[in-house]
Amino acid sequence: MLLEIAKRGNKVQGEIIEVPQLSKATVLQHLRELKRAGFIQGRIFGARAEFHLDETLLKEFNTVFAAFMKEMEEQKFQADK
């Protein structure tokens, strides 16, 4: 879903984005959850929306997640010894 938004220049104005593999109801639910998590900012109302990716939060998440993955790899390496 985030990639679909990024493909549109990190923002959506007007109609809800369409994802071929997903129903509109599923797309709306995913968008609401992403908004609740703070990854997107704006308004989602019915079949229309005006929102954008929160690039700052996504970068912070990426940093934290990369550190987590590094720690997981280090733990796995230590366990394999």
C-alpha atoms as a PDB file:
ATOM      1  CA  MET A   1       0.000   0.000   0.000  1.00  0.00           C
ATOM      2  CA  LEU A   2       2.805   2.413   0.901  1.00  0.00           C
ATOM      3  CA  LEU A   3       4.513   1.643  -2.399  1.00  0.00           C
ATOM      4  CA  GLU A   4       1.311   2.415  -4.304  1.00  0.00           C
ATOM      5  CA  ILE A   5       1.146   5.807  -2.585  1.00  0.00           C
ATOM      6  CA  ALA A   6       4.841   6.442  -3.261  1.00  0.00           C
ATOM      7  CA  LYS A   7       4.283   5.690  -6.956  1.00  0.00           C
ATOM      8  CA  ARG A   8       1.805   8.580  -6.974  1.00  0.00           C
ATOM      9  CA  GLY A   9       4.338  11.097  -5.690  1.00  0.00           C
ATOM     10  CA  ASN A  10       3.719  10.323  -1.986  1.00  0.00           C
ATOM     11  CA  LYS A  11       0.288  11.923  -1.996  1.00  0.00           C
ATOM     12  CA  VAL A  12      -3.245  11.157  -3.090  1.00  0.00           C
ATOM     13  CA  GLN A  13      -5.907  13.727  -3.836  1.00  0.00           C
ATOM     14  CA  GLY A  14      -9.357  12.734  -4.983  1.00  0.00           C
ATOM     15  CA  GLU A  15     -10.296   9.117  -5.487  1.00  0.00           C
ATOM     16  CA  ILE A  16      -9.077   6.288  -3.268  1.00  0.00           C
ATOM     17  CA  ILE A  17      -6.150   4.498  -4.878  1.00  0.00           C
ATOM     18  CA  GLU A  18      -6.914   1.235  -6.590  1.00  0.00           C
ATOM     19  CA  VAL A  19      -4.807  -1.841  -5.985  1.00  0.00           C
ATOM     20  CA  PRO A  20      -5.736  -4.597  -8.466  1.00  0.00           C
ATOM     21  CA  GLN A  21      -5.394  -7.454  -5.962  1.00  0.00           C
ATOM     22  CA  LEU A  22      -7.492  -5.742  -3.263  1.00  0.00           C
ATOM     23  CA  SER A  23     -11.120  -4.714  -2.938  1.00  0.00           C
ATOM     24  CA  LYS A  24     -11.946  -1.064  -2.249  1.00  0.00           C
ATOM     25  CA  ALA A  25     -13.070  -2.003   1.270  1.00  0.00           C
ATOM     26  CA  THR A  26      -9.695  -3.648   1.941  1.00  0.00           C
ATOM     27  CA  VAL A  27      -7.809  -0.637   0.558  1.00  0.00           C
ATOM     28  CA  LEU A  28      -9.858   1.695   2.774  1.00  0.00           C
ATOM     29  CA  GLN A  29      -9.175  -0.440   5.843  1.00  0.00           C
ATOM     30  CA  HIS A  30      -5.445  -0.495   5.119  1.00  0.00           C
ATOM     31  CA  LEU A  31      -5.408   3.272   4.618  1.00  0.00           C
ATOM     32  CA  ARG A  32      -7.232   3.821   7.905  1.00  0.00           C
ATOM     33  CA  GLU A  33      -4.733   1.610   9.739  1.00  0.00           C
ATOM     34  CA  LEU A  34      -1.776   3.377   8.118  1.00  0.00           C
ATOM     35  CA  LYS A  35      -3.293   6.708   9.153  1.00  0.00           C
ATOM     36  CA  ARG A  36      -3.875   5.442  12.693  1.00  0.00           C
ATOM     37  CA  ALA A  37      -0.228   4.343  12.840  1.00  0.00           C
ATOM     38  CA  GLY A  38       0.854   7.789  11.607  1.00  0.00           C
ATOM     39  CA  PHE A  39       2.414   6.646   8.327  1.00  0.00           C
ATOM     40  CA  ILE A  40      -0.024   8.758   6.335  1.00  0.00           C
ATOM     41  CA  GLN A  41      -1.466  12.157   7.156  1.00  0.00           C
ATOM     42  CA  GLY A  42      -4.666  13.674   5.814  1.00  0.00           C
ATOM     43  CA  ARG A  43      -8.308  12.756   5.364  1.00  0.00           C
ATOM     44  CA  ILE A  44      -9.937   9.564   4.192  1.00  0.00           C
ATOM     45  CA  PHE A  45     -13.666   9.932   3.670  1.00  0.00           C
ATOM     46  CA  GLY A  46     -15.801   7.456   1.797  1.00  0.00           C
ATOM     47  CA  ALA A  47     -14.573   6.924  -1.739  1.00  0.00           C
ATOM     48  CA  ARG A  48     -12.466  10.092  -1.665  1.00  0.00           C
ATOM     49  CA  ALA A  49      -9.249  10.943   0.089  1.00  0.00           C
ATOM     50  CA  GLU A  50      -6.624  13.623   0.501  1.00  0.00           C
ATOM     51  CA  PHE A  51      -3.516  12.313   2.209  1.00  0.00           C
ATOM     52  CA  HIS A  52       0.254  12.008   1.956  1.00  0.00           C
ATOM     53  CA  LEU A  53       2.997   9.814   3.342  1.00  0.00           C
ATOM     54  CA  ASP A  54       4.674  11.063   6.500  1.00  0.00           C
ATOM     55  CA  GLU A  55       8.204  10.700   5.182  1.00  0.00           C
ATOM     56  CA  THR A  56       9.791  11.723   8.494  1.00  0.00           C
ATOM     57  CA  LEU A  57       8.014   8.956  10.391  1.00  0.00           C
ATOM     58  CA  LEU A  58       8.794   6.423   7.657  1.00  0.00           C
ATOM     59  CA  LYS A  59      12.501   7.307   7.812  1.00  0.00           C
ATOM     60  CA  GLU A  60      12.465   6.971  11.614  1.00  0.00           C
ATOM     61  CA  PHE A  61      10.717   3.606  11.293  1.00  0.00           C
ATOM     62  CA  ASN A  62      13.296   2.482   8.739  1.00  0.00           C
ATOM     63  CA  THR A  63      16.149   3.386  11.091  1.00  0.00           C
ATOM     64  CA  VAL A  64      14.580   1.563  14.026  1.00  0.00           C
ATOM     65  CA  PHE A  65      13.637  -1.457  11.931  1.00  0.00           C
ATOM     66  CA  ALA A  66      17.141  -1.688  10.409  1.00  0.00           C
ATOM     67  CA  ALA A  67      18.650  -1.642  13.925  1.00  0.00           C
ATOM     68  CA  PHE A  68      16.186  -4.338  14.974  1.00  0.00           C
ATOM     69  CA  MET A  69      17.117  -6.527  12.004  1.00  0.00           C
ATOM     70  CA  LYS A  70      20.817  -6.039  12.713  1.00  0.00           C
ATOM     71  CA  GLU A  71      20.282  -7.098  16.329  1.00  0.00           C
ATOM     72  CA  MET A  72      18.318 -10.146  15.167  1.00  0.00           C
ATOM     73  CA  GLU A  73      21.149 -11.167  12.845  1.00  0.00           C
ATOM     74  CA  GLU A  74      23.718 -10.699  15.620  1.00  0.00           C
ATOM     75  CA  GLN A  75      21.620 -12.792  18.005  1.00  0.00           C
ATOM     76  CA  LYS A  76      21.250 -15.515  15.380  1.00  0.00           C
ATOM     77  CA  PHE A  77      24.996 -15.475  14.709  1.00  0.00           C
ATOM     78  CA  GLN A  78      25.747 -15.797  18.424  1.00  0.00           C
ATOM     79  CA  ALA A  79      23.231 -18.622  18.819  1.00  0.00           C
ATOM     80  CA  ASP A  80      24.804 -20.501  15.878  1.00  0.00           C
ATOM     81  CA  LYS A  81      28.247 -20.528  17.562  1.00  0.00           C
END
